Amino acid sequence: MDHDQRFKTLIRVFLAEFMDLFFHDWLDLLDLSEIVWLEQEISTEPPTGPRQVLDLAARIRTRQPLSPWHDNSNGECLLAILIEIESPDSTTSIRDRMPGYAARLSGKLELPVLPIVLFLNVGLDGVGVLTHERKIRDLVVERSDFLYVGLPALNALQYVEGNNWLGVALSALMRIPPDRVAWLGAEALRRLGRSSLDDQRKFLLGECVRAYLPLTEDQQRELDGLLQTETYSEVKAVNVTIYEKGIMKGELKGLVSGLLFATELKFGRVDPAVSDKINALSTVEQVRAVQSLLRTTVSAEEFLRDLGSI
């Protein structure tokens, strides 16, 4: 699963935790009990212009009117979240893109937009506000502010020991002392395994830790050693996927459901032809074969093609 899809899935599932973790001061305004996720495509030049993709957009209630939109917004606003994979020293692209995204989204739905950027490789000050300005000489003719999170600037040791489970998982992308990388990975997985989260959420967060923990070969060996100790024996609960648990229980229905979930994690929205073929699987052996295919296949098209041979 690529960066974009992984983080879109994480934020959709853990939006309340994301806002509480990084933007707690906004929770007095935003009611996250009901979240309506919007279609991602927005037209740049309606009605016949090219299409662009807004990473994530959610319609939510506000706890108080927002001036000057209160007459039209009906107590609602939009969250526009961009997930940016940049070089470590560049934010130019997102500074230029976010104002247009937010303006088009606001204009289309006639609602105020709260713009947020999640940087995976740019740290800045960790959590803060970025400003986009356009000037004619010294006159500011356009200005736009937006919230941001720069994961590489945050203290991983602080977050891995916190009470927000999303923060525990994202600690793998934060600033980690080199001599603590292996320990942090084992500790994050241990804590997630002991959490009260359901299996799907444990899998999502544990998969994030394993995908992004920056391990050298020596650190990988150290982590492997830690996971063999009694202290970290619970990590296995996180590393076992939903469909593998289904195999252990002999529940074909659970196996198929977990396989569909894993396919969506890797490729995004599942093609109906793919879901039909997976739902038609009738034996544990077939599910295992598709699991193996899913691990080794790069593209959704290749996966669909090879699925026909199983």
C-alpha atoms as a PDB file:
ATOM      1  CA  MET A   1       0.000   0.000   0.000  1.00  0.00           C
ATOM      2  CA  ASP A   2       1.434   3.415  -0.950  1.00  0.00           C
ATOM      3  CA  HIS A   3       1.852   6.397   1.367  1.00  0.00           C
ATOM      4  CA  ASP A   4      -1.200   8.183   0.064  1.00  0.00           C
ATOM      5  CA  GLN A   5      -3.646   5.321   0.445  1.00  0.00           C
ATOM      6  CA  ARG A   6      -2.278   4.274   3.829  1.00  0.00           C
ATOM      7  CA  PHE A   7      -2.715   7.713   5.333  1.00  0.00           C
ATOM      8  CA  LYS A   8      -6.080   8.341   3.724  1.00  0.00           C
ATOM      9  CA  THR A   9      -7.314   5.149   5.360  1.00  0.00           C
ATOM     10  CA  LEU A  10      -5.764   6.021   8.719  1.00  0.00           C
ATOM     11  CA  ILE A  11      -7.270   9.495   8.824  1.00  0.00           C
ATOM     12  CA  ARG A  12     -10.704   8.344   7.707  1.00  0.00           C
ATOM     13  CA  VAL A  13     -10.763   5.765  10.506  1.00  0.00           C
ATOM     14  CA  PHE A  14      -9.044   7.905  13.137  1.00  0.00           C
ATOM     15  CA  LEU A  15     -10.112  11.470  12.292  1.00  0.00           C
ATOM     16  CA  ALA A  16     -11.267  12.252  15.839  1.00  0.00           C
ATOM     17  CA  GLU A  17      -7.979  10.925  17.234  1.00  0.00           C
ATOM     18  CA  PHE A  18      -6.011  12.901  14.632  1.00  0.00           C
ATOM     19  CA  MET A  19      -7.705  16.171  15.578  1.00  0.00           C
ATOM     20  CA  ASP A  20      -7.403  15.484  19.305  1.00  0.00           C
ATOM     21  CA  LEU A  21      -3.729  14.607  18.931  1.00  0.00           C
ATOM     22  CA  PHE A  22      -2.589  17.619  16.930  1.00  0.00           C
ATOM     23  CA  PHE A  23      -5.375  20.209  17.019  1.00  0.00           C
ATOM     24  CA  HIS A  24      -7.054  19.724  20.382  1.00  0.00           C
ATOM     25  CA  ASP A  25      -7.813  23.444  20.657  1.00  0.00           C
ATOM     26  CA  TRP A  26     -10.229  23.118  17.712  1.00  0.00           C
ATOM     27  CA  LEU A  27     -12.413  20.484  19.346  1.00  0.00           C
ATOM     28  CA  ASP A  28     -14.520  23.084  21.124  1.00  0.00           C
ATOM     29  CA  LEU A  29     -15.655  24.228  17.663  1.00  0.00           C
ATOM     30  CA  LEU A  30     -15.914  20.935  15.752  1.00  0.00           C
ATOM     31  CA  ASP A  31     -18.488  18.218  16.408  1.00  0.00           C
ATOM     32  CA  LEU A  32     -16.868  14.997  15.200  1.00  0.00           C
ATOM     33  CA  SER A  33     -19.709  12.712  16.256  1.00  0.00           C
ATOM     34  CA  GLU A  34     -21.051  12.731  12.670  1.00  0.00           C
ATOM     35  CA  ILE A  35     -18.601  12.842   9.762  1.00  0.00           C
ATOM     36  CA  VAL A  36     -19.678  12.800   6.126  1.00  0.00           C
ATOM     37  CA  TRP A  37     -16.790  12.020   3.768  1.00  0.00           C
ATOM     38  CA  LEU A  38     -17.146  13.702   0.401  1.00  0.00           C
ATOM     39  CA  GLU A  39     -16.249  12.617  -3.095  1.00  0.00           C
ATOM     40  CA  GLN A  40     -12.606  13.495  -3.652  1.00  0.00           C
ATOM     41  CA  GLU A  41     -12.718  14.841  -7.184  1.00  0.00           C
ATOM     42  CA  ILE A  42     -13.451  18.534  -7.600  1.00  0.00           C
ATOM     43  CA  SER A  43     -13.622  20.399 -10.851  1.00  0.00           C
ATOM     44  CA  THR A  44     -10.963  23.023 -11.438  1.00  0.00           C
ATOM     45  CA  GLU A  45     -12.801  24.644 -14.342  1.00  0.00           C
ATOM     46  CA  PRO A  46     -16.429  23.566 -14.193  1.00  0.00           C
ATOM     47  CA  PRO A  47     -18.249  22.201 -16.011  1.00  0.00           C
ATOM     48  CA  THR A  48     -15.791  20.870 -18.599  1.00  0.00           C
ATOM     49  CA  GLY A  49     -12.383  21.545 -17.106  1.00  0.00           C
ATOM     50  CA  PRO A  50      -9.795  19.009 -15.933  1.00  0.00           C
ATOM     51  CA  ARG A  51     -10.229  17.134 -12.670  1.00  0.00           C
ATOM     52  CA  GLN A  52      -7.994  17.312  -9.618  1.00  0.00           C
ATOM     53  CA  VAL A  53      -7.991  15.166  -6.505  1.00  0.00           C
ATOM     54  CA  LEU A  54      -8.414  16.624  -3.048  1.00  0.00           C
ATOM     55  CA  ASP A  55      -6.872  14.071  -0.713  1.00  0.00           C
ATOM     56  CA  LEU A  56      -9.603  14.047   1.927  1.00  0.00           C
ATOM     57  CA  ALA A  57     -12.647  16.212   2.513  1.00  0.00           C
ATOM     58  CA  ALA A  58     -15.152  15.779   5.330  1.00  0.00           C
ATOM     59  CA  ARG A  59     -18.352  17.631   6.129  1.00  0.00           C
ATOM     60  CA  ILE A  60     -18.859  18.105   9.866  1.00  0.00           C
ATOM     61  CA  ARG A  61     -21.036  20.051  12.256  1.00  0.00           C
ATOM     62  CA  THR A  62     -19.794  23.065  14.193  1.00  0.00           C
ATOM     63  CA  ARG A  63     -20.737  23.784  17.787  1.00  0.00           C
ATOM     64  CA  GLN A  64     -21.239  27.473  17.082  1.00  0.00           C
ATOM     65  CA  PRO A  65     -21.936  29.685  14.047  1.00  0.00           C
ATOM     66  CA  LEU A  66     -18.983  30.694  11.896  1.00  0.00           C
ATOM     67  CA  SER A  67     -18.923  34.328  10.863  1.00  0.00           C
ATOM     68  CA  PRO A  68     -19.363  35.470   8.114  1.00  0.00           C
ATOM     69  CA  TRP A  69     -20.794  32.176   6.837  1.00  0.00           C
ATOM     70  CA  HIS A  70     -23.302  31.571   9.615  1.00  0.00           C
ATOM     71  CA  ASP A  71     -26.330  32.558   7.515  1.00  0.00           C
ATOM     72  CA  ASN A  72     -25.585  29.913   4.872  1.00  0.00           C
ATOM     73  CA  SER A  73     -23.509  27.219   6.556  1.00  0.00           C
ATOM     74  CA  ASN A  74     -26.290  25.831   8.760  1.00  0.00           C
ATOM     75  CA  GLY A  75     -23.763  25.052  11.464  1.00  0.00           C
ATOM     76  CA  GLU A  76     -21.439  23.063   9.199  1.00  0.00           C
ATOM     77  CA  CYS A  77     -17.932  23.338   7.814  1.00  0.00           C
ATOM     78  CA  LEU A  78     -15.524  21.288   5.719  1.00  0.00           C
ATOM     79  CA  LEU A  79     -12.205  19.764   6.676  1.00  0.00           C
ATOM     80  CA  ALA A  80      -9.811  19.674   3.724  1.00  0.00           C
ATOM     81  CA  ILE A  81      -6.813  17.456   4.491  1.00  0.00           C
ATOM     82  CA  LEU A  82      -3.852  17.126   2.136  1.00  0.00           C
ATOM     83  CA  ILE A  83      -1.225  14.444   2.713  1.00  0.00           C
ATOM     84  CA  GLU A  84       2.033  15.752   1.329  1.00  0.00           C
ATOM     85  CA  ILE A  85       5.072  13.650   0.448  1.00  0.00           C
ATOM     86  CA  GLU A  86       7.775  16.254  -0.165  1.00  0.00           C
ATOM     87  CA  SER A  87      11.542  16.441  -0.068  1.00  0.00           C
ATOM     88  CA  PRO A  88      12.699  17.276   3.481  1.00  0.00           C
ATOM     89  CA  ASP A  89      13.418  20.921   2.667  1.00  0.00           C
ATOM     90  CA  SER A  90      10.447  21.880   0.499  1.00  0.00           C
ATOM     91  CA  THR A  91       6.932  23.133   1.223  1.00  0.00           C
ATOM     92  CA  THR A  92       6.618  25.287  -1.883  1.00  0.00           C
ATOM     93  CA  SER A  93       4.227  23.012  -3.736  1.00  0.00           C
ATOM     94  CA  ILE A  94       1.712  22.713  -0.935  1.00  0.00           C
ATOM     95  CA  ARG A  95       1.826  26.436  -0.133  1.00  0.00           C
ATOM     96  CA  ASP A  96       0.791  27.092  -3.727  1.00  0.00           C
ATOM     97  CA  ARG A  97      -1.794  24.326  -3.989  1.00  0.00           C
ATOM     98  CA  MET A  98      -3.731  24.519  -0.726  1.00  0.00           C
ATOM     99  CA  PRO A  99      -5.366  27.946  -1.259  1.00  0.00           C
ATOM    100  CA  GLY A 100      -6.802  26.810  -4.590  1.00  0.00           C
ATOM    101  CA  TYR A 101      -8.044  23.524  -3.156  1.00  0.00           C
ATOM    102  CA  ALA A 102      -9.758  25.229  -0.255  1.00  0.00           C
ATOM    103  CA  ALA A 103     -11.272  27.982  -2.405  1.00  0.00           C
ATOM    104  CA  ARG A 104     -12.709  25.555  -4.977  1.00  0.00           C
ATOM    105  CA  LEU A 105     -14.140  23.312  -2.298  1.00  0.00           C
ATOM    106  CA  SER A 106     -15.667  26.229  -0.404  1.00  0.00           C
ATOM    107  CA  GLY A 107     -17.107  27.719  -3.585  1.00  0.00           C
ATOM    108  CA  LYS A 108     -18.600  24.447  -4.733  1.00  0.00           C
ATOM    109  CA  LEU A 109     -20.356  23.610  -1.457  1.00  0.00           C
ATOM    110  CA  GLU A 110     -20.777  27.145  -0.107  1.00  0.00           C
ATOM    111  CA  LEU A 111     -19.282  26.211   3.247  1.00  0.00           C
ATOM    112  CA  PRO A 112     -16.258  27.453   5.200  1.00  0.00           C
ATOM    113  CA  VAL A 113     -13.176  25.240   4.886  1.00  0.00           C
ATOM    114  CA  LEU A 114     -10.648  24.394   7.578  1.00  0.00           C
ATOM    115  CA  PRO A 115      -7.485  23.411   5.621  1.00  0.00           C
ATOM    116  CA  ILE A 116      -4.931  20.992   7.104  1.00  0.00           C
ATOM    117  CA  VAL A 117      -1.727  19.532   5.676  1.00  0.00           C
ATOM    118  CA  LEU A 118      -0.011  16.401   6.954  1.00  0.00           C
ATOM    119  CA  PHE A 119       3.694  16.382   6.027  1.00  0.00           C
ATOM    120  CA  LEU A 120       5.368  12.974   6.081  1.00  0.00           C
ATOM    121  CA  ASN A 121       8.886  14.219   5.303  1.00  0.00           C
ATOM    122  CA  VAL A 122       8.835  17.911   6.241  1.00  0.00           C
ATOM    123  CA  GLY A 123       9.183  18.737   9.927  1.00  0.00           C
ATOM    124  CA  LEU A 124       9.024  22.542  10.255  1.00  0.00           C
ATOM    125  CA  ASP A 125       7.915  23.255  13.841  1.00  0.00           C
ATOM    126  CA  GLY A 126       5.968  20.035  14.253  1.00  0.00           C
ATOM    127  CA  VAL A 127       2.494  21.520  14.541  1.00  0.00           C
ATOM    128  CA  GLY A 128       1.585  25.030  13.469  1.00  0.00           C
ATOM    129  CA  VAL A 129       0.231  27.366  10.831  1.00  0.00           C
ATOM    130  CA  LEU A 130       1.630  28.056   7.358  1.00  0.00           C
ATOM    131  CA  THR A 131       0.837  31.201   5.410  1.00  0.00           C
ATOM    132  CA  HIS A 132       0.538  31.653   1.663  1.00  0.00           C
ATOM    133  CA  GLU A 133       0.846  35.203   0.348  1.00  0.00           C
ATOM    134  CA  ARG A 134       0.892  36.849  -3.054  1.00  0.00           C
ATOM    135  CA  LYS A 135       2.158  40.414  -3.309  1.00  0.00           C
ATOM    136  CA  ILE A 136       2.361  43.270  -5.750  1.00  0.00           C
ATOM    137  CA  ARG A 137       5.371  45.115  -4.452  1.00  0.00           C
ATOM    138  CA  ASP A 138       4.689  45.368  -0.713  1.00  0.00           C
ATOM    139  CA  LEU A 139       0.936  45.058  -1.037  1.00  0.00           C
ATOM    140  CA  VAL A 140      -0.491  41.677   0.051  1.00  0.00           C
ATOM    141  CA  VAL A 141      -3.234  40.974  -2.483  1.00  0.00           C
ATOM    142  CA  GLU A 142      -3.911  37.390  -1.409  1.00  0.00           C
ATOM    143  CA  ARG A 143      -3.323  35.575   1.863  1.00  0.00           C
ATOM    144  CA  SER A 144      -4.291  32.111   3.067  1.00  0.00           C
ATOM    145  CA  ASP A 145      -3.413  30.354   6.327  1.00  0.00           C
ATOM    146  CA  PHE A 146      -3.642  26.628   6.975  1.00  0.00           C
ATOM    147  CA  LEU A 147      -2.877  24.221   9.784  1.00  0.00           C
ATOM    148  CA  TYR A 148      -0.117  21.668   9.409  1.00  0.00           C
ATOM    149  CA  VAL A 149       1.533  18.695  11.091  1.00  0.00           C
ATOM    150  CA  GLY A 150       5.185  17.965  10.311  1.00  0.00           C
ATOM    151  CA  LEU A 151       5.756  14.490  11.712  1.00  0.00           C
ATOM    152  CA  PRO A 152       9.592  14.399  11.457  1.00  0.00           C
ATOM    153  CA  ALA A 153       9.919  17.293  13.924  1.00  0.00           C
ATOM    154  CA  LEU A 154       7.902  15.661  16.709  1.00  0.00           C
ATOM    155  CA  ASN A 155       9.400  13.719  19.625  1.00  0.00           C
ATOM    156  CA  ALA A 156       8.645  10.050  18.964  1.00  0.00           C
ATOM    157  CA  LEU A 157       9.401   8.952  22.531  1.00  0.00           C
ATOM    158  CA  GLN A 158       6.732  11.290  23.861  1.00  0.00           C
ATOM    159  CA  TYR A 159       4.064  10.016  21.479  1.00  0.00           C
ATOM    160  CA  VAL A 160       4.809   6.300  21.742  1.00  0.00           C
ATOM    161  CA  GLU A 161       4.112   6.498  25.473  1.00  0.00           C
ATOM    162  CA  GLY A 162       0.959   8.610  25.082  1.00  0.00           C
ATOM    163  CA  ASN A 163      -2.692   7.614  25.372  1.00  0.00           C
ATOM    164  CA  ASN A 164      -3.662   8.411  21.784  1.00  0.00           C
ATOM    165  CA  TRP A 165      -3.322   5.191  19.766  1.00  0.00           C
ATOM    166  CA  LEU A 166      -2.899   7.009  16.479  1.00  0.00           C
ATOM    167  CA  GLY A 167      -0.021   8.933  18.054  1.00  0.00           C
ATOM    168  CA  VAL A 168       1.570   5.650  19.154  1.00  0.00           C
ATOM    169  CA  ALA A 169       1.532   4.412  15.546  1.00  0.00           C
ATOM    170  CA  LEU A 170       2.694   7.708  14.002  1.00  0.00           C
ATOM    171  CA  SER A 171       5.684   7.799  16.355  1.00  0.00           C
ATOM    172  CA  ALA A 172       7.407   5.601  13.749  1.00  0.00           C
ATOM    173  CA  LEU A 173       7.567   8.651  11.454  1.00  0.00           C
ATOM    174  CA  MET A 174       8.751  11.084  14.106  1.00  0.00           C
ATOM    175  CA  ARG A 175      12.191  12.029  15.433  1.00  0.00           C
ATOM    176  CA  ILE A 176      13.696   8.911  17.048  1.00  0.00           C
ATOM    177  CA  PRO A 177      17.152   8.675  18.704  1.00  0.00           C
ATOM    178  CA  PRO A 178      19.122   6.091  16.678  1.00  0.00           C
ATOM    179  CA  ASP A 179      19.703   3.893  19.726  1.00  0.00           C
ATOM    180  CA  ARG A 180      15.964   3.764  20.458  1.00  0.00           C
ATOM    181  CA  VAL A 181      14.547   2.892  17.042  1.00  0.00           C
ATOM    182  CA  ALA A 182      14.209  -0.873  17.617  1.00  0.00           C
ATOM    183  CA  TRP A 183      12.839  -0.389  21.128  1.00  0.00           C
ATOM    184  CA  LEU A 184      10.297   2.157  19.891  1.00  0.00           C
ATOM    185  CA  GLY A 185       9.009  -0.232  17.227  1.00  0.00           C
ATOM    186  CA  ALA A 186       8.627  -3.080  19.697  1.00  0.00           C
ATOM    187  CA  GLU A 187       7.030  -0.836  22.307  1.00  0.00           C
ATOM    188  CA  ALA A 188       4.571   0.690  19.837  1.00  0.00           C
ATOM    189  CA  LEU A 189       3.459  -2.742  18.658  1.00  0.00           C
ATOM    190  CA  ARG A 190       3.233  -4.040  22.226  1.00  0.00           C
ATOM    191  CA  ARG A 191       1.050  -1.148  23.347  1.00  0.00           C
ATOM    192  CA  LEU A 192      -1.202  -1.434  20.316  1.00  0.00           C
ATOM    193  CA  GLY A 193      -1.568  -5.149  20.957  1.00  0.00           C
ATOM    194  CA  ARG A 194      -2.710  -4.472  24.521  1.00  0.00           C
ATOM    195  CA  SER A 195      -5.134  -1.714  23.527  1.00  0.00           C
ATOM    196  CA  SER A 196      -8.910  -2.114  23.567  1.00  0.00           C
ATOM    197  CA  LEU A 197      -9.126  -1.383  19.826  1.00  0.00           C
ATOM    198  CA  ASP A 198     -10.833  -3.860  17.530  1.00  0.00           C
ATOM    199  CA  ASP A 199      -8.742  -6.076  15.264  1.00  0.00           C
ATOM    200  CA  GLN A 200      -9.173  -3.892  12.190  1.00  0.00           C
ATOM    201  CA  ARG A 201      -7.871  -0.786  13.948  1.00  0.00           C
ATOM    202  CA  LYS A 202      -5.005  -2.680  15.557  1.00  0.00           C
ATOM    203  CA  PHE A 203      -4.010  -3.975  12.139  1.00  0.00           C
ATOM    204  CA  LEU A 204      -4.116  -0.513  10.545  1.00  0.00           C
ATOM    205  CA  LEU A 205      -1.953   1.047  13.245  1.00  0.00           C
ATOM    206  CA  GLY A 206       0.454  -1.876  13.523  1.00  0.00           C
ATOM    207  CA  GLU A 207       0.887  -1.922   9.733  1.00  0.00           C
ATOM    208  CA  CYS A 208       1.794   1.785   9.885  1.00  0.00           C
ATOM    209  CA  VAL A 209       4.515   1.109  12.464  1.00  0.00           C
ATOM    210  CA  ARG A 210       6.033  -1.727  10.465  1.00  0.00           C
ATOM    211  CA  ALA A 211       5.875   0.190   7.191  1.00  0.00           C
ATOM    212  CA  TYR A 212       7.579   3.364   8.384  1.00  0.00           C
ATOM    213  CA  LEU A 213       9.926   2.477  11.233  1.00  0.00           C
ATOM    214  CA  PRO A 214      13.340   3.551   9.800  1.00  0.00           C
ATOM    215  CA  LEU A 215      15.409   0.437  10.522  1.00  0.00           C
ATOM    216  CA  THR A 216      18.971  -0.262   9.473  1.00  0.00           C
ATOM    217  CA  GLU A 217      20.005  -3.918   9.171  1.00  0.00           C
ATOM    218  CA  ASP A 218      21.467  -3.843  12.689  1.00  0.00           C
ATOM    219  CA  GLN A 219      18.346  -2.221  14.079  1.00  0.00           C
ATOM    220  CA  GLN A 220      16.168  -4.807  12.328  1.00  0.00           C
ATOM    221  CA  ARG A 221      18.155  -7.577  14.014  1.00  0.00           C
ATOM    222  CA  GLU A 222      17.774  -5.785  17.343  1.00  0.00           C
ATOM    223  CA  LEU A 223      14.018  -5.490  16.825  1.00  0.00           C
ATOM    224  CA  ASP A 224      13.735  -9.160  15.884  1.00  0.00           C
ATOM    225  CA  GLY A 225      15.576 -10.034  19.082  1.00  0.00           C
ATOM    226  CA  LEU A 226      13.283  -7.888  21.207  1.00  0.00           C
ATOM    227  CA  LEU A 227      10.206  -9.486  19.706  1.00  0.00           C
ATOM    228  CA  GLN A 228      11.456 -12.887  20.847  1.00  0.00           C
ATOM    229  CA  THR A 229      11.527 -11.812  24.496  1.00  0.00           C
ATOM    230  CA  GLU A 230       8.720 -12.405  26.977  1.00  0.00           C
ATOM    231  CA  THR A 231       8.132  -8.659  27.346  1.00  0.00           C
ATOM    232  CA  TYR A 232       7.069  -8.313  23.714  1.00  0.00           C
ATOM    233  CA  SER A 233       5.313 -11.618  23.160  1.00  0.00           C
ATOM    234  CA  GLU A 234       2.006  -9.727  22.794  1.00  0.00           C
ATOM    235  CA  VAL A 235       3.240  -8.130  19.574  1.00  0.00           C
ATOM    236  CA  LYS A 236       2.054 -11.202  17.709  1.00  0.00           C
ATOM    237  CA  ALA A 237      -1.520 -10.046  18.291  1.00  0.00           C
ATOM    238  CA  VAL A 238      -0.847  -6.963  16.181  1.00  0.00           C
ATOM    239  CA  ASN A 239       1.161  -8.726  13.497  1.00  0.00           C
ATOM    240  CA  VAL A 240      -1.545 -11.308  12.796  1.00  0.00           C
ATOM    241  CA  THR A 241      -3.913  -9.870  10.213  1.00  0.00           C
ATOM    242  CA  ILE A 242      -7.682 -10.153  10.254  1.00  0.00           C
ATOM    243  CA  TYR A 243      -7.748 -12.805   7.579  1.00  0.00           C
ATOM    244  CA  GLU A 244      -5.004 -14.858   9.250  1.00  0.00           C
ATOM    245  CA  LYS A 245      -7.077 -14.887  12.425  1.00  0.00           C
ATOM    246  CA  GLY A 246      -9.922 -16.152  10.320  1.00  0.00           C
ATOM    247  CA  ILE A 247      -7.744 -19.052   9.157  1.00  0.00           C
ATOM    248  CA  MET A 248      -6.970 -19.979  12.752  1.00  0.00           C
ATOM    249  CA  LYS A 249     -10.691 -20.039  13.572  1.00  0.00           C
ATOM    250  CA  GLY A 250     -11.640 -21.814  10.364  1.00  0.00           C
ATOM    251  CA  GLU A 251     -14.142 -19.106   9.516  1.00  0.00           C
ATOM    252  CA  LEU A 252     -14.219 -18.746   5.740  1.00  0.00           C
ATOM    253  CA  LYS A 253     -16.581 -15.789   5.910  1.00  0.00           C
ATOM    254  CA  GLY A 254     -14.194 -13.919   8.185  1.00  0.00           C
ATOM    255  CA  LEU A 255     -11.304 -14.888   5.927  1.00  0.00           C
ATOM    256  CA  VAL A 256     -12.960 -13.447   2.848  1.00  0.00           C
ATOM    257  CA  SER A 257     -13.990 -10.282   4.682  1.00  0.00           C
ATOM    258  CA  GLY A 258     -10.440  -9.760   5.913  1.00  0.00           C
ATOM    259  CA  LEU A 259      -9.041 -10.379   2.440  1.00  0.00           C
ATOM    260  CA  LEU A 260     -11.340  -7.754   0.949  1.00  0.00           C
ATOM    261  CA  PHE A 261     -10.228  -5.328   3.632  1.00  0.00           C
ATOM    262  CA  ALA A 262      -6.534  -6.026   2.963  1.00  0.00           C
ATOM    263  CA  THR A 263      -7.089  -5.590  -0.784  1.00  0.00           C
ATOM    264  CA  GLU A 264      -8.714  -2.203  -0.206  1.00  0.00           C
ATOM    265  CA  LEU A 265      -5.828  -1.167   2.022  1.00  0.00           C
ATOM    266  CA  LYS A 266      -3.321  -1.922  -0.719  1.00  0.00           C
ATOM    267  CA  PHE A 267      -5.116  -0.692  -3.824  1.00  0.00           C
ATOM    268  CA  GLY A 268      -7.795   1.695  -2.547  1.00  0.00           C
ATOM    269  CA  ARG A 269     -11.380   1.221  -3.702  1.00  0.00           C
ATOM    270  CA  VAL A 270     -11.872  -2.406  -4.750  1.00  0.00           C
ATOM    271  CA  ASP A 271     -12.971  -3.010  -8.330  1.00  0.00           C
ATOM    272  CA  PRO A 272     -16.361  -4.826  -8.357  1.00  0.00           C
ATOM    273  CA  ALA A 273     -14.805  -7.561 -10.493  1.00  0.00           C
ATOM    274  CA  VAL A 274     -12.168  -8.122  -7.794  1.00  0.00           C
ATOM    275  CA  SER A 275     -14.672  -8.187  -4.944  1.00  0.00           C
ATOM    276  CA  ASP A 276     -16.875 -10.633  -6.875  1.00  0.00           C
ATOM    277  CA  LYS A 277     -13.963 -13.021  -7.392  1.00  0.00           C
ATOM    278  CA  ILE A 278     -12.877 -12.796  -3.742  1.00  0.00           C
ATOM    279  CA  ASN A 279     -16.435 -13.317  -2.480  1.00  0.00           C
ATOM    280  CA  ALA A 280     -16.641 -16.414  -4.679  1.00  0.00           C
ATOM    281  CA  LEU A 281     -13.678 -18.107  -2.955  1.00  0.00           C
ATOM    282  CA  SER A 282     -14.879 -21.329  -1.364  1.00  0.00           C
ATOM    283  CA  THR A 283     -11.857 -22.862   0.402  1.00  0.00           C
ATOM    284  CA  VAL A 284      -9.176 -21.790   2.857  1.00  0.00           C
ATOM    285  CA  GLU A 285      -6.549 -22.871   0.327  1.00  0.00           C
ATOM    286  CA  GLN A 286      -7.921 -20.451  -2.250  1.00  0.00           C
ATOM    287  CA  VAL A 287      -7.840 -17.617   0.274  1.00  0.00           C
ATOM    288  CA  ARG A 288      -4.216 -18.408   1.124  1.00  0.00           C
ATOM    289  CA  ALA A 289      -3.338 -18.330  -2.574  1.00  0.00           C
ATOM    290  CA  VAL A 290      -4.962 -14.920  -3.004  1.00  0.00           C
ATOM    291  CA  GLN A 291      -3.176 -13.644   0.118  1.00  0.00           C
ATOM    292  CA  SER A 292       0.121 -14.659  -1.433  1.00  0.00           C
ATOM    293  CA  LEU A 293      -0.833 -12.998  -4.701  1.00  0.00           C
ATOM    294  CA  LEU A 294      -1.807  -9.813  -2.857  1.00  0.00           C
ATOM    295  CA  ARG A 295       1.575  -9.622  -1.125  1.00  0.00           C
ATOM    296  CA  THR A 296       3.541  -9.895  -4.368  1.00  0.00           C
ATOM    297  CA  THR A 297       1.385  -7.994  -6.863  1.00  0.00           C
ATOM    298  CA  VAL A 298       2.262  -4.374  -7.561  1.00  0.00           C
ATOM    299  CA  SER A 299      -0.789  -3.033  -9.411  1.00  0.00           C
ATOM    300  CA  ALA A 300      -4.544  -3.524  -9.119  1.00  0.00           C
ATOM    301  CA  GLU A 301      -4.716  -4.418 -12.819  1.00  0.00           C
ATOM    302  CA  GLU A 302      -2.138  -7.184 -12.421  1.00  0.00           C
ATOM    303  CA  PHE A 303      -3.930  -8.453  -9.327  1.00  0.00           C
ATOM    304  CA  LEU A 304      -7.262  -8.701 -11.166  1.00  0.00           C
ATOM    305  CA  ARG A 305      -5.620 -10.449 -14.100  1.00  0.00           C
ATOM    306  CA  ASP A 306      -3.855 -13.066 -11.970  1.00  0.00           C
ATOM    307  CA  LEU A 307      -6.852 -13.561  -9.707  1.00  0.00           C
ATOM    308  CA  GLY A 308      -8.593 -15.357 -12.553  1.00  0.00           C
ATOM    309  CA  SER A 309      -6.053 -18.219 -12.398  1.00  0.00           C
ATOM    310  CA  ILE A 310      -6.907 -19.103  -8.796  1.00  0.00           C
END
